Structure formats: C-alpha cells, structure tokens
C-alpha atoms as a PDB file:
ATOM      1  CA  MET A   1      11.319  -6.628  -0.679  1.00  0.00           C
ATOM      2  CA  LEU A   2       9.231  -3.912   0.886  1.00  0.00           C
ATOM      3  CA  HIS A   3       9.106  -0.625  -0.946  1.00  0.00           C
ATOM      4  CA  ILE A   4       7.585   2.322   0.780  1.00  0.00           C
ATOM      5  CA  ARG A   5       6.595   5.621  -1.025  1.00  0.00           C
ATOM      6  CA  PHE A   6       5.979   8.392   1.439  1.00  0.00           C
ATOM      7  CA  GLY A   7       3.517  11.346   0.815  1.00  0.00           C
ATOM      8  CA  ASP A   8       0.702  11.660  -1.719  1.00  0.00           C
ATOM      9  CA  MET A   9       0.603   9.109  -4.631  1.00  0.00           C
ATOM     10  CA  ASP A  10      -1.662   8.622  -7.563  1.00  0.00           C
ATOM     11  CA  GLN A  11      -3.579   5.478  -8.201  1.00  0.00           C
ATOM     12  CA  VAL A  12      -3.214   3.661  -4.796  1.00  0.00           C
ATOM     13  CA  ALA A  13      -5.920   1.203  -3.494  1.00  0.00           C
ATOM     14  CA  TYR A  14      -7.589   1.752  -0.155  1.00  0.00           C
ATOM     15  CA  GLY A  15      -7.026  -1.752   1.638  1.00  0.00           C
ATOM     16  CA  PRO A  16     -10.224  -1.923   3.685  1.00  0.00           C
ATOM     17  CA  ARG A  17     -12.516  -1.134   0.617  1.00  0.00           C
ATOM     18  CA  TRP A  18     -10.621  -3.478  -1.654  1.00  0.00           C
ATOM     19  CA  PHE A  19     -10.848  -6.235   0.938  1.00  0.00           C
ATOM     20  CA  LYS A  20     -14.708  -5.645   1.226  1.00  0.00           C
ATOM     21  CA  TYR A  21     -15.139  -6.186  -2.387  1.00  0.00           C
ATOM     22  CA  ASN A  22     -12.300  -8.717  -3.235  1.00  0.00           C
ATOM     23  CA  TYR A  23     -11.429 -11.008  -0.454  1.00  0.00           C
ATOM     24  CA  ASP A  24     -11.499 -14.704  -0.990  1.00  0.00           C
ATOM     25  CA  ILE A  25     -12.444 -17.175   1.883  1.00  0.00           C
ATOM     26  CA  SER A  26      -9.640 -19.356   0.909  1.00  0.00           C
ATOM     27  CA  TRP A  27      -7.221 -16.654   1.940  1.00  0.00           C
ATOM     28  CA  PHE A  28      -7.877 -17.527   5.470  1.00  0.00           C
ATOM     29  CA  GLN A  29      -6.598 -21.090   5.092  1.00  0.00           C
ATOM     30  CA  ASP A  30      -3.088 -19.505   4.805  1.00  0.00           C
ATOM     31  CA  PRO A  31      -1.119 -19.801   8.013  1.00  0.00           C
ATOM     32  CA  PHE A  32       0.483 -16.596   7.441  1.00  0.00           C
ATOM     33  CA  VAL A  33      -2.827 -14.611   6.919  1.00  0.00           C
ATOM     34  CA  ARG A  34      -4.015 -16.246  10.084  1.00  0.00           C
ATOM     35  CA  LYS A  35      -0.806 -15.058  11.931  1.00  0.00           C
ATOM     36  CA  MET A  36      -1.382 -11.430  10.704  1.00  0.00           C
ATOM     37  CA  ILE A  37      -4.962 -11.652  12.009  1.00  0.00           C
ATOM     38  CA  GLU A  38      -3.941 -13.052  15.347  1.00  0.00           C
ATOM     39  CA  GLU A  39      -0.920 -10.829  15.907  1.00  0.00           C
ATOM     40  CA  VAL A  40      -2.600  -7.577  14.761  1.00  0.00           C
ATOM     41  CA  ASP A  41      -6.173  -7.866  15.921  1.00  0.00           C
ATOM     42  CA  LYS A  42      -5.764 -10.736  18.560  1.00  0.00           C
ATOM     43  CA  THR A  43      -8.564 -12.460  16.592  1.00  0.00           C
ATOM     44  CA  ARG A  44      -8.606 -16.184  15.694  1.00  0.00           C
ATOM     45  CA  TYR A  45     -10.126 -17.712  12.629  1.00  0.00           C
ATOM     46  CA  ILE A  46     -12.553 -20.298  13.378  1.00  0.00           C
ATOM     47  CA  ASP A  47     -13.969 -21.519  10.050  1.00  0.00           C
ATOM     48  CA  GLY A  48     -15.839 -20.230   6.972  1.00  0.00           C
ATOM     49  CA  TYR A  49     -16.746 -16.563   7.440  1.00  0.00           C
ATOM     50  CA  ILE A  50     -16.389 -16.739  11.373  1.00  0.00           C
ATOM     51  CA  PHE A  51     -13.635 -15.206  13.518  1.00  0.00           C
ATOM     52  CA  GLU A  52     -13.342 -14.996  17.322  1.00  0.00           C
ATOM     53  CA  SER A  53     -12.534 -11.633  18.640  1.00  0.00           C
ATOM     54  CA  PRO A  54     -11.758 -11.207  22.304  1.00  0.00           C
ATOM     55  CA  VAL A  55     -13.440  -7.961  22.346  1.00  0.00           C
ATOM     56  CA  LEU A  56     -16.434  -8.444  19.907  1.00  0.00           C
ATOM     57  CA  GLY A  57     -16.990 -12.216  20.078  1.00  0.00           C
ATOM     58  CA  PRO A  58     -17.808 -13.967  16.845  1.00  0.00           C
ATOM     59  CA  ILE A  59     -17.347 -11.650  13.869  1.00  0.00           C
ATOM     60  CA  PRO A  60     -17.488 -11.822  10.158  1.00  0.00           C
ATOM     61  CA  PRO A  61     -14.252 -11.035   8.019  1.00  0.00           C
ATOM     62  CA  GLU A  62     -15.786  -7.450   7.455  1.00  0.00           C
ATOM     63  CA  LYS A  63     -15.366  -6.621  11.130  1.00  0.00           C
ATOM     64  CA  LEU A  64     -11.624  -7.241  11.014  1.00  0.00           C
ATOM     65  CA  SER A  65      -9.602  -3.956  11.627  1.00  0.00           C
ATOM     66  CA  GLY A  66      -8.668  -1.686   8.654  1.00  0.00           C
ATOM     67  CA  GLY A  67      -5.020  -2.383   9.253  1.00  0.00           C
ATOM     68  CA  VAL A  68      -5.286  -6.263   8.931  1.00  0.00           C
ATOM     69  CA  LYS A  69      -7.602  -5.943   6.037  1.00  0.00           C
ATOM     70  CA  THR A  70      -4.976  -3.782   4.359  1.00  0.00           C
ATOM     71  CA  LEU A  71      -2.058  -6.131   5.254  1.00  0.00           C
ATOM     72  CA  ILE A  72      -4.078  -9.069   3.832  1.00  0.00           C
ATOM     73  CA  MET A  73      -4.594  -7.130   0.515  1.00  0.00           C
ATOM     74  CA  ILE A  74      -0.878  -6.183   0.410  1.00  0.00           C
ATOM     75  CA  TYR A  75       0.077  -9.877   0.713  1.00  0.00           C
ATOM     76  CA  GLU A  76      -2.662 -11.353  -1.490  1.00  0.00           C
ATOM     77  CA  MET A  77      -2.412  -8.703  -4.220  1.00  0.00           C
ATOM     78  CA  PRO A  78       1.324  -7.810  -4.246  1.00  0.00           C
ATOM     79  CA  ASP A  79       1.091  -6.249  -7.733  1.00  0.00           C
ATOM     80  CA  LYS A  80      -1.143  -3.332  -6.479  1.00  0.00           C
ATOM     81  CA  VAL A  81       0.059  -0.461  -4.454  1.00  0.00           C
ATOM     82  CA  PHE A  82      -2.027  -0.008  -1.268  1.00  0.00           C
ATOM     83  CA  ASP A  83      -2.247   2.880   0.925  1.00  0.00           C
ATOM     84  CA  ALA A  84      -0.824   1.656   4.215  1.00  0.00           C
ATOM     85  CA  THR A  85      -1.839   4.720   6.195  1.00  0.00           C
ATOM     86  CA  SER A  86      -4.737   2.722   7.611  1.00  0.00           C
ATOM     87  CA  CYS A  87      -2.130   0.482   9.176  1.00  0.00           C
ATOM     88  CA  GLY A  88      -1.159   1.573  12.669  1.00  0.00           C
ATOM     89  CA  ALA A  89       2.233   1.049  14.349  1.00  0.00           C
ATOM     90  CA  ASN A  90       1.077  -2.424  15.431  1.00  0.00           C
ATOM     91  CA  CYS A  91       1.104  -3.500  11.740  1.00  0.00           C
ATOM     92  CA  ALA A  92       4.778  -2.487  11.099  1.00  0.00           C
ATOM     93  CA  HIS A  93       6.175  -5.917  12.052  1.00  0.00           C
ATOM     94  CA  MET A  94       3.831  -7.651   9.693  1.00  0.00           C
ATOM     95  CA  LEU A  95       4.418  -5.291   6.842  1.00  0.00           C
ATOM     96  CA  LEU A  96       8.147  -5.948   7.203  1.00  0.00           C
ATOM     97  CA  GLU A  97       7.368  -9.812   7.175  1.00  0.00           C
ATOM     98  CA  ILE A  98       5.383  -9.375   4.015  1.00  0.00           C
ATOM     99  CA  GLY A  99       8.351  -7.637   2.411  1.00  0.00           C
ATOM    100  CA  LYS A 100      10.657 -10.703   3.345  1.00  0.00           C
ATOM    101  CA  ARG A 101       8.126 -12.903   1.485  1.00  0.00           C
ATOM    102  CA  LYS A 102       7.122 -10.966  -1.540  1.00  0.00           C
ATOM    103  CA  ASP A 103       8.010  -7.785  -3.494  1.00  0.00           C
ATOM    104  CA  VAL A 104       5.401  -5.124  -2.495  1.00  0.00           C
ATOM    105  CA  THR A 105       5.156  -1.399  -2.637  1.00  0.00           C
ATOM    106  CA  VAL A 106       2.959   0.494  -0.338  1.00  0.00           C
ATOM    107  CA  ASN A 107       2.148   4.319   0.188  1.00  0.00           C
ATOM    108  CA  LEU A 108       2.486   5.841   3.678  1.00  0.00           C
ATOM    109  CA  ARG A 109       1.269   9.339   4.416  1.00  0.00           C
ATOM    110  CA  TYR A 110       2.644   9.228   7.944  1.00  0.00           C
ATOM    111  CA  PHE A 111       5.714   8.109   9.758  1.00  0.00           C
ATOM    112  CA  MET A 112       5.281   4.467  10.866  1.00  0.00           C
ATOM    113  CA  PRO A 113       7.732   3.738  13.681  1.00  0.00           C
ATOM    114  CA  MET A 114       9.961   0.623  13.112  1.00  0.00           C
ATOM    115  CA  ASN A 115      11.384   0.688  16.873  1.00  0.00           C
ATOM    116  CA  GLY A 116      12.756  -2.565  17.917  1.00  0.00           C
ATOM    117  CA  LEU A 117      12.221  -4.365  14.600  1.00  0.00           C
ATOM    118  CA  GLU A 118      15.789  -4.362  13.433  1.00  0.00           C
ATOM    119  CA  PRO A 119      17.355  -5.850  11.471  1.00  0.00           C
ATOM    120  CA  PHE A 120      15.219  -5.259   8.397  1.00  0.00           C
ATOM    121  CA  GLU A 121      15.643  -4.271   4.823  1.00  0.00           C
ATOM    122  CA  LEU A 122      13.237  -2.016   2.900  1.00  0.00           C
ATOM    123  CA  THR A 123      13.546   0.542   0.039  1.00  0.00           C
ATOM    124  CA  ILE A 124      12.261   4.187   0.317  1.00  0.00           C
ATOM    125  CA  ASP A 125      11.292   4.765  -3.159  1.00  0.00           C
ATOM    126  CA  ASN A 126      11.211   8.590  -2.769  1.00  0.00           C
ATOM    127  CA  THR A 127      14.999   8.543  -2.570  1.00  0.00           C
ATOM    128  CA  GLY A 128      15.859   4.932  -3.789  1.00  0.00           C
ATOM    129  CA  MET A 129      17.695   4.412  -0.527  1.00  0.00           C
ATOM    130  CA  ILE A 130      17.785   0.897   0.956  1.00  0.00           C
ATOM    131  CA  VAL A 131      17.622   1.062   4.679  1.00  0.00           C
ATOM    132  CA  SER A 132      18.378  -1.660   7.202  1.00  0.00           C
ATOM    133  CA  ASN A 133      18.135   0.079  10.607  1.00  0.00           C
ATOM    134  CA  ASN A 134      15.757   2.377  12.394  1.00  0.00           C
ATOM    135  CA  ARG A 135      17.981   5.360  12.471  1.00  0.00           C
ATOM    136  CA  ASP A 136      18.455   5.520   8.662  1.00  0.00           C
ATOM    137  CA  TYR A 137      14.785   4.669   8.091  1.00  0.00           C
ATOM    138  CA  THR A 138      13.614   7.369  10.531  1.00  0.00           C
ATOM    139  CA  LEU A 139      15.850  10.196   8.981  1.00  0.00           C
ATOM    140  CA  CYS A 140      14.894   9.312   5.385  1.00  0.00           C
ATOM    141  CA  ALA A 141      11.248   8.909   6.044  1.00  0.00           C
ATOM    142  CA  LEU A 142      10.856  12.167   8.060  1.00  0.00           C
ATOM    143  CA  ASP A 143      12.938  13.960   5.400  1.00  0.00           C
ATOM    144  CA  CYS A 144      10.464  12.551   2.663  1.00  0.00           C
ATOM    145  CA  LEU A 145       7.405  13.616   4.805  1.00  0.00           C
ATOM    146  CA  ASP A 146       8.633  17.119   5.596  1.00  0.00           C
ATOM    147  CA  PRO A 147       6.782  19.523   3.493  1.00  0.00           C
ATOM    148  CA  ALA A 148       9.665  22.076   3.520  1.00  0.00           C
ATOM    149  CA  SER A 149      12.002  19.594   2.040  1.00  0.00           C
ATOM    150  CA  ALA A 150       9.444  18.331  -0.522  1.00  0.00           C
ATOM    151  CA  GLN A 151       8.935  21.909  -1.878  1.00  0.00           C
ATOM    152  CA  THR A 152      12.606  22.446  -2.214  1.00  0.00           C
ATOM    153  CA  GLY A 153      13.341  19.108  -3.518  1.00  0.00           C
ATOM    154  CA  GLU A 154      15.898  18.541  -0.768  1.00  0.00           C
ATOM    155  CA  GLY A 155      14.193  15.274   0.480  1.00  0.00           C
ATOM    156  CA  GLU A 156      14.474  13.512  -2.904  1.00  0.00           C
ATOM    157  CA  GLY A 157      18.220  12.916  -3.346  1.00  0.00           C
ATOM    158  CA  ARG A 158      19.571  12.330   0.170  1.00  0.00           C
END
C-alpha cells in the first residue's frame, strides 16, 4: 500500500540523486519500469543505456525526468522513504500503481492531485487515515499541509 507523509520529514532520500548513484541497468528489463518511463516521460527504452525521447532523441538514463527517476527508486528500493515532491501530477497514477504492488512510504511537500484516479487506496501517515476517494484524500492532504493547522495540531487527528 502507498503511504504518504505530508510536510517536512527527516531522513528522506532525494530520488534523482539516488538514481544517479544507485540505478542498475537490469531495472530497465522490468516491464513495469518501462511502463513508468513510457507513461511519464513518453520515452522508450531501446537497449543498454539508450532511451529514445520524442523531444531529445537518444538519451542515457541520467537524462530521464526527475519524476520518473524518483518513481523508479520508490519501486526498486521500497524500504527507503523518498521525497516524491520531484514528482509532478503526471506521476500520480504511477505512484498509486506502485502502492498496489508494494508497501512504500513517500514524503510530499505539496498537494499532488489524484483527480480521475479513483478508486484508490492509500494511507496518509500524518493522520493514519486510509483514503479511497479524491474528496477524502484532498481534505486530509490539505489539512496536513496547512501551516495553521500544523501549528495548532488540528491537522493531526482528523
């Protein structure tokens, strides 16, 4: 299941940097990793260290977007907590898909919309609330990200 912790969090890994120093070429053989790259970056894996981008042409793995690098790290290293703030809204559906396949926890410092992605199931770790629809997700996420409620503690027990 996908677990999201909103706001500042200690000891989170920055996905693009972790990818740069830790990726394994064998990861690109995984059909799900290829699917993430194709759906988020519109880029196709060719072979070895070569990808075909419709915008940039042939590129190495290091030139993939920060969002897809972070998604790959979340998927390949599920025991680490990654800062998913580098993932844009175009990564939301893949983040939910990873959560269907593995137990992962991510940190978000912004509201990532989940519009049109229902039904889904995720846990907002700030509150412990399991949400399965966009309305509950939005209300809980915005409450956790609201600085006023964070200072008063109102956002923690909703």
